[in-house]
Amino acid sequence: MKEMEQLELDAYRGEIATDMGELVEKYRAIFGWDIPEIDQAAADKLILAAMHKALDDLSA
């Protein structure tokens, strides 16, 4: 049987994914405002790397 914490997390997994997607969109917009001729693929890699780093720092 799954632990209660896992069951609770499973209930919110979709919401977490939606929130993360909204964060990516937020920073895409900021990059777009600051850099009109942006390389979106490069910007996405930078945004995702920063998000990974922030998550790693939180889990440490």
PDB file of N, CA and C in Angstrom:
ATOM      1  N   MET A   1       0.834  -1.190   0.000  1.00  0.00           N
ATOM      2  CA  MET A   1       0.000   0.000   0.000  1.00  0.00           C
ATOM      3  C   MET A   1       0.875   1.248   0.000  1.00  0.00           C
ATOM      4  N   LYS A   2       0.460   2.227  -0.768  1.00  0.00           N
ATOM      5  CA  LYS A   2       1.229   3.468  -0.850  1.00  0.00           C
ATOM      6  C   LYS A   2       1.168   4.232   0.466  1.00  0.00           C
ATOM      7  N   GLU A   3       2.255   4.924   0.744  1.00  0.00           N
ATOM      8  CA  GLU A   3       2.291   5.805   1.907  1.00  0.00           C
ATOM      9  C   GLU A   3       1.305   6.943   1.714  1.00  0.00           C
ATOM     10  N   MET A   4       0.794   7.476   2.785  1.00  0.00           N
ATOM     11  CA  MET A   4      -0.172   8.581   2.719  1.00  0.00           C
ATOM     12  C   MET A   4       0.402   9.785   1.984  1.00  0.00           C
ATOM     13  N   GLU A   5       1.690  10.065   2.219  1.00  0.00           N
ATOM     14  CA  GLU A   5       2.322  11.201   1.558  1.00  0.00           C
ATOM     15  C   GLU A   5       2.328  11.024   0.044  1.00  0.00           C
ATOM     16  N   GLN A   6       2.580   9.795  -0.414  1.00  0.00           N
ATOM     17  CA  GLN A   6       2.598   9.524  -1.849  1.00  0.00           C
ATOM     18  C   GLN A   6       1.206   9.675  -2.437  1.00  0.00           C
ATOM     19  N   LEU A   7       0.206   9.202  -1.728  1.00  0.00           N
ATOM     20  CA  LEU A   7      -1.169   9.349  -2.196  1.00  0.00           C
ATOM     21  C   LEU A   7      -1.555  10.822  -2.309  1.00  0.00           C
ATOM     22  N   GLU A   8      -1.144  11.610  -1.322  1.00  0.00           N
ATOM     23  CA  GLU A   8      -1.445  13.048  -1.351  1.00  0.00           C
ATOM     24  C   GLU A   8      -0.725  13.713  -2.521  1.00  0.00           C
ATOM     25  N   LEU A   9       0.532  13.368  -2.729  1.00  0.00           N
ATOM     26  CA  LEU A   9       1.289  13.925  -3.853  1.00  0.00           C
ATOM     27  C   LEU A   9       0.639  13.538  -5.177  1.00  0.00           C
ATOM     28  N   ASP A  10       0.229  12.293  -5.306  1.00  0.00           N
ATOM     29  CA  ASP A  10      -0.414  11.837  -6.533  1.00  0.00           C
ATOM     30  C   ASP A  10      -1.659  12.663  -6.854  1.00  0.00           C
ATOM     31  N   ALA A  11      -2.369  13.077  -5.829  1.00  0.00           N
ATOM     32  CA  ALA A  11      -3.584  13.869  -6.023  1.00  0.00           C
ATOM     33  C   ALA A  11      -3.272  15.252  -6.585  1.00  0.00           C
ATOM     34  N   TYR A  12      -2.074  15.741  -6.332  1.00  0.00           N
ATOM     35  CA  TYR A  12      -1.698  17.093  -6.764  1.00  0.00           C
ATOM     36  C   TYR A  12      -0.706  17.112  -7.928  1.00  0.00           C
ATOM     37  N   ARG A  13      -0.342  15.958  -8.425  1.00  0.00           N
ATOM     38  CA  ARG A  13       0.686  15.877  -9.478  1.00  0.00           C
ATOM     39  C   ARG A  13       0.324  16.718 -10.708  1.00  0.00           C
ATOM     40  N   GLY A  14      -0.908  16.662 -11.145  1.00  0.00           N
ATOM     41  CA  GLY A  14      -1.336  17.457 -12.296  1.00  0.00           C
ATOM     42  C   GLY A  14      -1.238  18.948 -12.028  1.00  0.00           C
ATOM     43  N   GLU A  15      -1.617  19.351 -10.832  1.00  0.00           N
ATOM     44  CA  GLU A  15      -1.538  20.767 -10.459  1.00  0.00           C
ATOM     45  C   GLU A  15      -0.090  21.248 -10.408  1.00  0.00           C
ATOM     46  N   ILE A  16       0.789  20.409  -9.900  1.00  0.00           N
ATOM     47  CA  ILE A  16       2.215  20.754  -9.859  1.00  0.00           C
ATOM     48  C   ILE A  16       2.739  20.935 -11.280  1.00  0.00           C
ATOM     49  N   ALA A  17       2.402  20.021 -12.180  1.00  0.00           N
ATOM     50  CA  ALA A  17       2.852  20.122 -13.573  1.00  0.00           C
ATOM     51  C   ALA A  17       2.317  21.393 -14.228  1.00  0.00           C
ATOM     52  N   THR A  18       1.059  21.724 -13.960  1.00  0.00           N
ATOM     53  CA  THR A  18       0.479  22.951 -14.506  1.00  0.00           C
ATOM     54  C   THR A  18       1.210  24.178 -13.982  1.00  0.00           C
ATOM     55  N   ASP A  19       1.483  24.210 -12.688  1.00  0.00           N
ATOM     56  CA  ASP A  19       2.198  25.338 -12.088  1.00  0.00           C
ATOM     57  C   ASP A  19       3.592  25.498 -12.689  1.00  0.00           C
ATOM     58  N   MET A  20       4.291  24.375 -12.896  1.00  0.00           N
ATOM     59  CA  MET A  20       5.633  24.437 -13.478  1.00  0.00           C
ATOM     60  C   MET A  20       5.566  24.975 -14.905  1.00  0.00           C
ATOM     61  N   GLY A  21       4.580  24.535 -15.671  1.00  0.00           N
ATOM     62  CA  GLY A  21       4.407  25.039 -17.035  1.00  0.00           C
ATOM     63  C   GLY A  21       4.133  26.526 -17.049  1.00  0.00           C
ATOM     64  N   GLU A  22       3.341  26.994 -16.098  1.00  0.00           N
ATOM     65  CA  GLU A  22       3.052  28.433 -16.009  1.00  0.00           C
ATOM     66  C   GLU A  22       4.301  29.228 -15.652  1.00  0.00           C
ATOM     67  N   LEU A  23       5.171  28.657 -14.824  1.00  0.00           N
ATOM     68  CA  LEU A  23       6.433  29.334 -14.509  1.00  0.00           C
ATOM     69  C   LEU A  23       7.314  29.463 -15.743  1.00  0.00           C
ATOM     70  N   VAL A  24       7.385  28.390 -16.535  1.00  0.00           N
ATOM     71  CA  VAL A  24       8.175  28.456 -17.769  1.00  0.00           C
ATOM     72  C   VAL A  24       7.612  29.559 -18.673  1.00  0.00           C
ATOM     73  N   GLU A  25       6.298  29.598 -18.823  1.00  0.00           N
ATOM     74  CA  GLU A  25       5.671  30.629 -19.663  1.00  0.00           C
ATOM     75  C   GLU A  25       5.941  32.031 -19.124  1.00  0.00           C
ATOM     76  N   LYS A  26       5.918  32.185 -17.817  1.00  0.00           N
ATOM     77  CA  LYS A  26       6.203  33.493 -17.203  1.00  0.00           C
ATOM     78  C   LYS A  26       7.594  33.978 -17.609  1.00  0.00           C
ATOM     79  N   TYR A  27       8.589  33.110 -17.477  1.00  0.00           N
ATOM     80  CA  TYR A  27       9.955  33.526 -17.789  1.00  0.00           C
ATOM     81  C   TYR A  27      10.208  33.611 -19.291  1.00  0.00           C
ATOM     82  N   ARG A  28       9.480  32.847 -20.105  1.00  0.00           N
ATOM     83  CA  ARG A  28       9.549  33.032 -21.560  1.00  0.00           C
ATOM     84  C   ARG A  28       9.102  34.444 -21.918  1.00  0.00           C
ATOM     85  N   ALA A  29       8.025  34.892 -21.302  1.00  0.00           N
ATOM     86  CA  ALA A  29       7.510  36.236 -21.580  1.00  0.00           C
ATOM     87  C   ALA A  29       8.523  37.295 -21.161  1.00  0.00           C
ATOM     88  N   ILE A  30       9.123  37.126 -20.001  1.00  0.00           N
ATOM     89  CA  ILE A  30      10.114  38.099 -19.524  1.00  0.00           C
ATOM     90  C   ILE A  30      11.300  38.154 -20.479  1.00  0.00           C
ATOM     91  N   PHE A  31      11.807  36.988 -20.887  1.00  0.00           N
ATOM     92  CA  PHE A  31      12.916  36.960 -21.843  1.00  0.00           C
ATOM     93  C   PHE A  31      12.505  37.655 -23.130  1.00  0.00           C
ATOM     94  N   GLY A  32      11.289  37.392 -23.595  1.00  0.00           N
ATOM     95  CA  GLY A  32      10.807  37.989 -24.839  1.00  0.00           C
ATOM     96  C   GLY A  32      10.702  39.499 -24.767  1.00  0.00           C
ATOM     97  N   TRP A  33      10.321  40.020 -23.608  1.00  0.00           N
ATOM     98  CA  TRP A  33      10.237  41.475 -23.445  1.00  0.00           C
ATOM     99  C   TRP A  33      11.621  42.100 -23.467  1.00  0.00           C
ATOM    100  N   ASP A  34      12.580  41.422 -22.835  1.00  0.00           N
ATOM    101  CA  ASP A  34      13.927  41.976 -22.695  1.00  0.00           C
ATOM    102  C   ASP A  34      14.779  41.772 -23.949  1.00  0.00           C
ATOM    103  N   ILE A  35      14.499  40.726 -24.701  1.00  0.00           N
ATOM    104  CA  ILE A  35      15.312  40.379 -25.877  1.00  0.00           C
ATOM    105  C   ILE A  35      14.357  40.126 -27.050  1.00  0.00           C
ATOM    106  N   PRO A  36      14.063  41.148 -27.838  1.00  0.00           N
ATOM    107  CA  PRO A  36      13.071  40.998 -28.910  1.00  0.00           C
ATOM    108  C   PRO A  36      13.391  39.878 -29.925  1.00  0.00           C
ATOM    109  N   GLU A  37      14.648  39.719 -30.326  1.00  0.00           N
ATOM    110  CA  GLU A  37      15.027  38.687 -31.305  1.00  0.00           C
ATOM    111  C   GLU A  37      15.565  37.454 -30.594  1.00  0.00           C
ATOM    112  N   ILE A  38      14.809  36.942 -29.661  1.00  0.00           N
ATOM    113  CA  ILE A  38      15.283  35.855 -28.801  1.00  0.00           C
ATOM    114  C   ILE A  38      15.349  34.516 -29.544  1.00  0.00           C
ATOM    115  N   ASP A  39      16.342  33.722 -29.206  1.00  0.00           N
ATOM    116  CA  ASP A  39      16.428  32.327 -29.642  1.00  0.00           C
ATOM    117  C   ASP A  39      15.636  31.542 -28.596  1.00  0.00           C
ATOM    118  N   GLN A  40      14.383  31.193 -28.915  1.00  0.00           N
ATOM    119  CA  GLN A  40      13.490  30.598 -27.921  1.00  0.00           C
ATOM    120  C   GLN A  40      14.023  29.279 -27.386  1.00  0.00           C
ATOM    121  N   ALA A  41      14.623  28.470 -28.235  1.00  0.00           N
ATOM    122  CA  ALA A  41      15.156  27.180 -27.773  1.00  0.00           C
ATOM    123  C   ALA A  41      16.276  27.391 -26.753  1.00  0.00           C
ATOM    124  N   ALA A  42      17.154  28.347 -27.014  1.00  0.00           N
ATOM    125  CA  ALA A  42      18.239  28.644 -26.071  1.00  0.00           C
ATOM    126  C   ALA A  42      17.679  29.218 -24.776  1.00  0.00           C
ATOM    127  N   ALA A  43      16.700  30.101 -24.895  1.00  0.00           N
ATOM    128  CA  ALA A  43      16.085  30.687 -23.699  1.00  0.00           C
ATOM    129  C   ALA A  43      15.403  29.601 -22.873  1.00  0.00           C
ATOM    130  N   ASP A  44      14.699  28.675 -23.522  1.00  0.00           N
ATOM    131  CA  ASP A  44      14.038  27.586 -22.803  1.00  0.00           C
ATOM    132  C   ASP A  44      15.050  26.743 -22.035  1.00  0.00           C
ATOM    133  N   LYS A  45      16.188  26.451 -22.649  1.00  0.00           N
ATOM    134  CA  LYS A  45      17.230  25.669 -21.968  1.00  0.00           C
ATOM    135  C   LYS A  45      17.742  26.411 -20.738  1.00  0.00           C
ATOM    136  N   LEU A  46      17.945  27.710 -20.859  1.00  0.00           N
ATOM    137  CA  LEU A  46      18.407  28.504 -19.719  1.00  0.00           C
ATOM    138  C   LEU A  46      17.362  28.535 -18.603  1.00  0.00           C
ATOM    139  N   ILE A  47      16.112  28.726 -18.977  1.00  0.00           N
ATOM    140  CA  ILE A  47      15.030  28.769 -17.992  1.00  0.00           C
ATOM    141  C   ILE A  47      14.931  27.433 -17.262  1.00  0.00           C
ATOM    142  N   LEU A  48      14.920  26.342 -18.022  1.00  0.00           N
ATOM    143  CA  LEU A  48      14.797  25.018 -17.404  1.00  0.00           C
ATOM    144  C   LEU A  48      16.011  24.691 -16.536  1.00  0.00           C
ATOM    145  N   ALA A  49      17.195  25.088 -16.959  1.00  0.00           N
ATOM    146  CA  ALA A  49      18.392  24.856 -16.149  1.00  0.00           C
ATOM    147  C   ALA A  49      18.298  25.621 -14.831  1.00  0.00           C
ATOM    148  N   ALA A  50      17.814  26.858 -14.884  1.00  0.00           N
ATOM    149  CA  ALA A  50      17.660  27.644 -13.669  1.00  0.00           C
ATOM    150  C   ALA A  50      16.614  27.013 -12.749  1.00  0.00           C
ATOM    151  N   MET A  51      15.532  26.490 -13.326  1.00  0.00           N
ATOM    152  CA  MET A  51      14.508  25.824 -12.519  1.00  0.00           C
ATOM    153  C   MET A  51      15.061  24.555 -11.876  1.00  0.00           C
ATOM    154  N   HIS A  52      15.841  23.776 -12.636  1.00  0.00           N
ATOM    155  CA  HIS A  52      16.465  22.572 -12.079  1.00  0.00           C
ATOM    156  C   HIS A  52      17.397  22.937 -10.920  1.00  0.00           C
ATOM    157  N   LYS A  53      18.190  23.983 -11.112  1.00  0.00           N
ATOM    158  CA  LYS A  53      19.123  24.420 -10.060  1.00  0.00           C
ATOM    159  C   LYS A  53      18.358  24.832  -8.813  1.00  0.00           C
ATOM    160  N   ALA A  54      17.276  25.590  -8.996  1.00  0.00           N
ATOM    161  CA  ALA A  54      16.478  26.021  -7.850  1.00  0.00           C
ATOM    162  C   ALA A  54      15.875  24.822  -7.121  1.00  0.00           C
ATOM    163  N   LEU A  55      15.395  23.832  -7.865  1.00  0.00           N
ATOM    164  CA  LEU A  55      14.838  22.631  -7.245  1.00  0.00           C
ATOM    165  C   LEU A  55      15.927  21.836  -6.524  1.00  0.00           C
ATOM    166  N   ASP A  56      17.095  21.729  -7.136  1.00  0.00           N
ATOM    167  CA  ASP A  56      18.216  21.041  -6.482  1.00  0.00           C
ATOM    168  C   ASP A  56      18.574  21.750  -5.176  1.00  0.00           C
ATOM    169  N   ASP A  57      18.608  23.085  -5.203  1.00  0.00           N
ATOM    170  CA  ASP A  57      18.943  23.844  -3.990  1.00  0.00           C
ATOM    171  C   ASP A  57      17.892  23.620  -2.899  1.00  0.00           C
ATOM    172  N   LEU A  58      16.621  23.533  -3.287  1.00  0.00           N
ATOM    173  CA  LEU A  58      15.565  23.296  -2.306  1.00  0.00           C
ATOM    174  C   LEU A  58      15.655  21.916  -1.677  1.00  0.00           C
ATOM    175  N   SER A  59      16.113  20.953  -2.458  1.00  0.00           N
ATOM    176  CA  SER A  59      16.171  19.576  -1.935  1.00  0.00           C
ATOM    177  C   SER A  59      17.426  19.297  -1.135  1.00  0.00           C
ATOM    178  N   ALA A  60      18.371  20.217  -1.147  1.00  0.00           N
ATOM    179  CA  ALA A  60      19.629  20.003  -0.408  1.00  0.00           C
ATOM    180  C   ALA A  60      19.467  20.235   1.080  1.00  0.00           C
TER     181      ALA A  60
END
